[in-house]
PDB file of N, CA and C in Angstrom:
ATOM      1  N   MET A   1      59.039 132.186  39.198  1.00  0.00           N
ATOM      2  CA  MET A   1      59.149 132.960  40.464  1.00  0.00           C
ATOM      3  C   MET A   1      59.499 132.482  41.684  1.00  0.00           C
ATOM      4  N   SER A   2      58.759 131.499  41.966  1.00  0.00           N
ATOM      5  CA  SER A   2      59.271 130.652  43.313  1.00  0.00           C
ATOM      6  C   SER A   2      60.856 129.848  43.000  1.00  0.00           C
ATOM      7  N   PHE A   3      60.824 129.413  41.881  1.00  0.00           N
ATOM      8  CA  PHE A   3      62.108 128.671  41.499  1.00  0.00           C
ATOM      9  C   PHE A   3      63.243 130.052  41.976  1.00  0.00           C
ATOM     10  N   MET A   4      63.176 131.102  41.321  1.00  0.00           N
ATOM     11  CA  MET A   4      64.296 132.171  41.503  1.00  0.00           C
ATOM     12  C   MET A   4      64.224 132.624  43.218  1.00  0.00           C
ATOM     13  N   MET A   5      62.959 132.857  43.716  1.00  0.00           N
ATOM     14  CA  MET A   5      63.057 133.252  45.073  1.00  0.00           C
ATOM     15  C   MET A   5      63.856 132.266  45.795  1.00  0.00           C
ATOM     16  N   THR A   6      63.595 130.950  45.503  1.00  0.00           N
ATOM     17  CA  THR A   6      64.096 129.798  46.698  1.00  0.00           C
ATOM     18  C   THR A   6      65.541 129.657  46.415  1.00  0.00           C
ATOM     19  N   LEU A   7      65.796 129.776  45.122  1.00  0.00           N
ATOM     20  CA  LEU A   7      67.224 129.720  44.574  1.00  0.00           C
ATOM     21  C   LEU A   7      68.154 130.832  45.473  1.00  0.00           C
ATOM     22  N   LEU A   8      67.463 132.016  45.474  1.00  0.00           N
ATOM     23  CA  LEU A   8      68.436 133.048  46.265  1.00  0.00           C
ATOM     24  C   LEU A   8      68.152 133.104  47.607  1.00  0.00           C
ATOM     25  N   ILE A   9      67.078 132.652  48.243  1.00  0.00           N
ATOM     26  CA  ILE A   9      66.787 132.725  49.747  1.00  0.00           C
ATOM     27  C   ILE A   9      67.531 131.526  50.377  1.00  0.00           C
ATOM     28  N   THR A  10      67.526 130.558  49.481  1.00  0.00           N
ATOM     29  CA  THR A  10      68.557 129.265  50.028  1.00  0.00           C
ATOM     30  C   THR A  10      69.809 129.598  50.035  1.00  0.00           C
ATOM     31  N   TYR A  11      70.553 130.236  48.918  1.00  0.00           N
ATOM     32  CA  TYR A  11      71.721 130.668  49.004  1.00  0.00           C
ATOM     33  C   TYR A  11      71.968 131.820  50.101  1.00  0.00           C
ATOM     34  N   ILE A  12      71.184 132.783  50.592  1.00  0.00           N
ATOM     35  CA  ILE A  12      71.399 133.767  51.361  1.00  0.00           C
ATOM     36  C   ILE A  12      71.136 132.903  52.792  1.00  0.00           C
ATOM     37  N   ASN A  13      70.520 132.074  53.223  1.00  0.00           N
ATOM     38  CA  ASN A  13      70.296 131.443  54.559  1.00  0.00           C
ATOM     39  C   ASN A  13      71.460 130.545  54.694  1.00  0.00           C
ATOM     40  N   THR A  14      72.048 129.505  53.573  1.00  0.00           N
ATOM     41  CA  THR A  14      72.671 128.663  53.855  1.00  0.00           C
ATOM     42  C   THR A  14      73.948 128.710  53.333  1.00  0.00           C
ATOM     43  N   GLY A  15      74.233 129.388  52.299  1.00  0.00           N
ATOM     44  CA  GLY A  15      75.421 129.505  51.520  1.00  0.00           C
ATOM     45  C   GLY A  15      75.590 128.383  50.558  1.00  0.00           C
ATOM     46  N   PHE A  16      76.572 128.646  49.604  1.00  0.00           N
ATOM     47  CA  PHE A  16      76.987 127.534  48.760  1.00  0.00           C
ATOM     48  C   PHE A  16      78.075 126.558  49.040  1.00  0.00           C
ATOM     49  N   ASP A  17      77.615 125.249  49.179  1.00  0.00           N
ATOM     50  CA  ASP A  17      78.742 124.128  49.171  1.00  0.00           C
ATOM     51  C   ASP A  17      78.065 122.968  48.407  1.00  0.00           C
ATOM     52  N   LYS A  18      78.738 121.860  48.786  1.00  0.00           N
ATOM     53  CA  LYS A  18      78.162 120.533  47.923  1.00  0.00           C
ATOM     54  C   LYS A  18      76.839 120.321  48.037  1.00  0.00           C
ATOM     55  N   ASP A  19      76.266 120.598  49.213  1.00  0.00           N
ATOM     56  CA  ASP A  19      74.948 120.232  49.547  1.00  0.00           C
ATOM     57  C   ASP A  19      73.686 121.018  49.078  1.00  0.00           C
ATOM     58  N   TYR A  20      74.001 122.397  48.426  1.00  0.00           N
ATOM     59  CA  TYR A  20      73.472 123.286  48.216  1.00  0.00           C
ATOM     60  C   TYR A  20      72.153 122.886  47.246  1.00  0.00           C
ATOM     61  N   PHE A  21      72.532 122.100  46.284  1.00  0.00           N
ATOM     62  CA  PHE A  21      71.436 121.822  45.294  1.00  0.00           C
ATOM     63  C   PHE A  21      70.383 120.831  45.981  1.00  0.00           C
ATOM     64  N   ASN A  22      70.604 119.854  46.840  1.00  0.00           N
ATOM     65  CA  ASN A  22      69.851 119.394  47.504  1.00  0.00           C
ATOM     66  C   ASN A  22      68.948 120.326  48.484  1.00  0.00           C
ATOM     67  N   ARG A  23      69.804 121.035  49.195  1.00  0.00           N
ATOM     68  CA  ARG A  23      68.670 121.865  50.116  1.00  0.00           C
ATOM     69  C   ARG A  23      67.724 122.933  49.101  1.00  0.00           C
ATOM     70  N   PHE A  24      67.973 123.369  48.035  1.00  0.00           N
ATOM     71  CA  PHE A  24      67.378 123.899  46.934  1.00  0.00           C
ATOM     72  C   PHE A  24      66.299 123.151  46.547  1.00  0.00           C
ATOM     73  N   MET A  25      66.539 122.090  46.063  1.00  0.00           N
ATOM     74  CA  MET A  25      65.203 121.287  45.350  1.00  0.00           C
ATOM     75  C   MET A  25      64.720 120.989  46.753  1.00  0.00           C
ATOM     76  N   THR A  26      64.984 120.488  48.008  1.00  0.00           N
ATOM     77  CA  THR A  26      63.875 120.418  49.016  1.00  0.00           C
ATOM     78  C   THR A  26      63.039 121.450  49.240  1.00  0.00           C
ATOM     79  N   ALA A  27      63.739 122.569  49.358  1.00  0.00           N
ATOM     80  CA  ALA A  27      62.688 123.862  49.955  1.00  0.00           C
ATOM     81  C   ALA A  27      62.104 124.155  48.368  1.00  0.00           C
ATOM     82  N   TRP A  28      62.308 124.234  47.331  1.00  0.00           N
ATOM     83  CA  TRP A  28      61.758 124.187  45.905  1.00  0.00           C
ATOM     84  C   TRP A  28      60.468 123.285  46.162  1.00  0.00           C
ATOM     85  N   SER A  29      60.650 122.285  46.403  1.00  0.00           N
ATOM     86  CA  SER A  29      59.367 120.906  46.081  1.00  0.00           C
ATOM     87  C   SER A  29      58.548 121.478  47.238  1.00  0.00           C
ATOM     88  N   VAL A  30      58.761 122.230  48.407  1.00  0.00           N
ATOM     89  CA  VAL A  30      57.685 122.726  49.066  1.00  0.00           C
ATOM     90  C   VAL A  30      57.259 123.994  48.578  1.00  0.00           C
ATOM     91  N   SER A  31      57.943 124.890  48.245  1.00  0.00           N
ATOM     92  CA  SER A  31      57.465 126.150  47.848  1.00  0.00           C
ATOM     93  C   SER A  31      56.742 126.282  46.525  1.00  0.00           C
ATOM     94  N   PHE A  32      57.066 125.549  45.431  1.00  0.00           N
ATOM     95  CA  PHE A  32      56.268 125.650  44.230  1.00  0.00           C
ATOM     96  C   PHE A  32      54.720 125.054  44.555  1.00  0.00           C
ATOM     97  N   PRO A  33      54.418 124.080  45.157  1.00  0.00           N
ATOM     98  CA  PRO A  33      52.703 123.931  45.082  1.00  0.00           C
ATOM     99  C   PRO A  33      52.505 124.875  46.221  1.00  0.00           C
ATOM    100  N   VAL A  34      52.879 125.473  47.348  1.00  0.00           N
ATOM    101  CA  VAL A  34      52.586 126.776  48.026  1.00  0.00           C
ATOM    102  C   VAL A  34      52.405 127.754  46.932  1.00  0.00           C
ATOM    103  N   ALA A  35      53.194 127.983  46.167  1.00  0.00           N
ATOM    104  CA  ALA A  35      52.948 129.321  45.708  1.00  0.00           C
ATOM    105  C   ALA A  35      51.882 128.836  44.337  1.00  0.00           C
ATOM    106  N   MET A  36      51.715 127.945  43.730  1.00  0.00           N
ATOM    107  CA  MET A  36      50.764 127.637  42.892  1.00  0.00           C
ATOM    108  C   MET A  36      49.127 127.816  43.914  1.00  0.00           C
ATOM    109  N   ILE A  37      48.950 127.183  44.874  1.00  0.00           N
ATOM    110  CA  ILE A  37      47.734 127.136  45.724  1.00  0.00           C
ATOM    111  C   ILE A  37      47.546 128.487  46.077  1.00  0.00           C
ATOM    112  N   ALA A  38      48.619 129.510  46.545  1.00  0.00           N
ATOM    113  CA  ALA A  38      48.255 130.747  46.847  1.00  0.00           C
ATOM    114  C   ALA A  38      48.037 131.745  45.759  1.00  0.00           C
ATOM    115  N   THR A  39      48.378 131.456  44.546  1.00  0.00           N
ATOM    116  CA  THR A  39      47.999 132.075  43.213  1.00  0.00           C
ATOM    117  C   THR A  39      46.477 131.730  43.017  1.00  0.00           C
ATOM    118  N   SER A  40      46.293 130.283  43.005  1.00  0.00           N
ATOM    119  CA  SER A  40      44.928 130.192  42.752  1.00  0.00           C
ATOM    120  C   SER A  40      43.738 130.764  43.524  1.00  0.00           C
ATOM    121  N   ILE A  41      44.299 130.973  44.864  1.00  0.00           N
ATOM    122  CA  ILE A  41      43.397 131.499  45.778  1.00  0.00           C
ATOM    123  C   ILE A  41      43.217 132.961  45.696  1.00  0.00           C
ATOM    124  N   VAL A  42      44.573 133.593  45.559  1.00  0.00           N
ATOM    125  CA  VAL A  42      44.607 135.038  45.282  1.00  0.00           C
ATOM    126  C   VAL A  42      44.106 135.876  44.333  1.00  0.00           C
ATOM    127  N   ALA A  43      44.539 135.121  42.787  1.00  0.00           N
ATOM    128  CA  ALA A  43      44.304 135.628  41.972  1.00  0.00           C
ATOM    129  C   ALA A  43      42.874 136.359  41.726  1.00  0.00           C
ATOM    130  N   PRO A  44      41.983 135.007  41.616  1.00  0.00           N
ATOM    131  CA  PRO A  44      40.216 135.785  41.547  1.00  0.00           C
ATOM    132  C   PRO A  44      40.116 136.801  42.321  1.00  0.00           C
ATOM    133  N   ILE A  45      40.565 136.940  43.613  1.00  0.00           N
ATOM    134  CA  ILE A  45      40.280 138.071  44.545  1.00  0.00           C
ATOM    135  C   ILE A  45      40.751 139.306  43.862  1.00  0.00           C
ATOM    136  N   VAL A  46      42.026 139.397  43.524  1.00  0.00           N
ATOM    137  CA  VAL A  46      42.572 140.556  43.149  1.00  0.00           C
ATOM    138  C   VAL A  46      42.020 141.087  41.902  1.00  0.00           C
ATOM    139  N   LYS A  47      41.553 139.848  40.744  1.00  0.00           N
ATOM    140  CA  LYS A  47      41.074 140.436  39.324  1.00  0.00           C
ATOM    141  C   LYS A  47      39.712 141.164  39.908  1.00  0.00           C
ATOM    142  N   LYS A  48      38.911 140.550  40.853  1.00  0.00           N
ATOM    143  CA  LYS A  48      37.749 141.308  41.048  1.00  0.00           C
ATOM    144  C   LYS A  48      37.967 142.716  41.423  1.00  0.00           C
ATOM    145  N   ILE A  49      38.977 142.610  42.316  1.00  0.00           N
ATOM    146  CA  ILE A  49      39.170 144.364  42.809  1.00  0.00           C
ATOM    147  C   ILE A  49      40.066 145.053  41.843  1.00  0.00           C
ATOM    148  N   VAL A  50      41.033 144.321  40.908  1.00  0.00           N
ATOM    149  CA  VAL A  50      41.045 145.423  39.751  1.00  0.00           C
ATOM    150  C   VAL A  50      40.102 145.734  38.801  1.00  0.00           C
ATOM    151  N   ASP A  51      38.942 144.882  38.708  1.00  0.00           N
ATOM    152  CA  ASP A  51      37.858 145.079  37.853  1.00  0.00           C
ATOM    153  C   ASP A  51      37.048 146.279  38.430  1.00  0.00           C
ATOM    154  N   LYS A  52      36.957 146.456  39.700  1.00  0.00           N
ATOM    155  CA  LYS A  52      36.144 147.354  40.351  1.00  0.00           C
ATOM    156  C   LYS A  52      36.816 148.657  40.210  1.00  0.00           C
ATOM    157  N   ILE A  53      38.266 148.628  40.277  1.00  0.00           N
ATOM    158  CA  ILE A  53      38.836 149.754  40.328  1.00  0.00           C
ATOM    159  C   ILE A  53      38.799 150.320  38.746  1.00  0.00           C
ATOM    160  N   THR A  54      38.970 149.742  38.056  1.00  0.00           N
ATOM    161  CA  THR A  54      39.285 150.112  36.538  1.00  0.00           C
ATOM    162  C   THR A  54      38.260 150.295  35.755  1.00  0.00           C
ATOM    163  N   LYS A  55      36.570 149.927  36.076  1.00  0.00           N
ATOM    164  CA  LYS A  55      35.552 150.619  35.834  1.00  0.00           C
ATOM    165  C   LYS A  55      35.077 151.749  35.724  1.00  0.00           C
TER     166      LYS A  55
END
């Protein structure tokens, strides 16, 4: 998910040229760890909420 979003957002913000791949990889190298950390923090909280709703 972070790959696809970064790919699209980099294209929207900066366009496609010879440096696009380098900008994308730089952005993705930041967004991927952030996404993993956010998922690790948010997923257990959301699971508890869903468990309470679905019981």
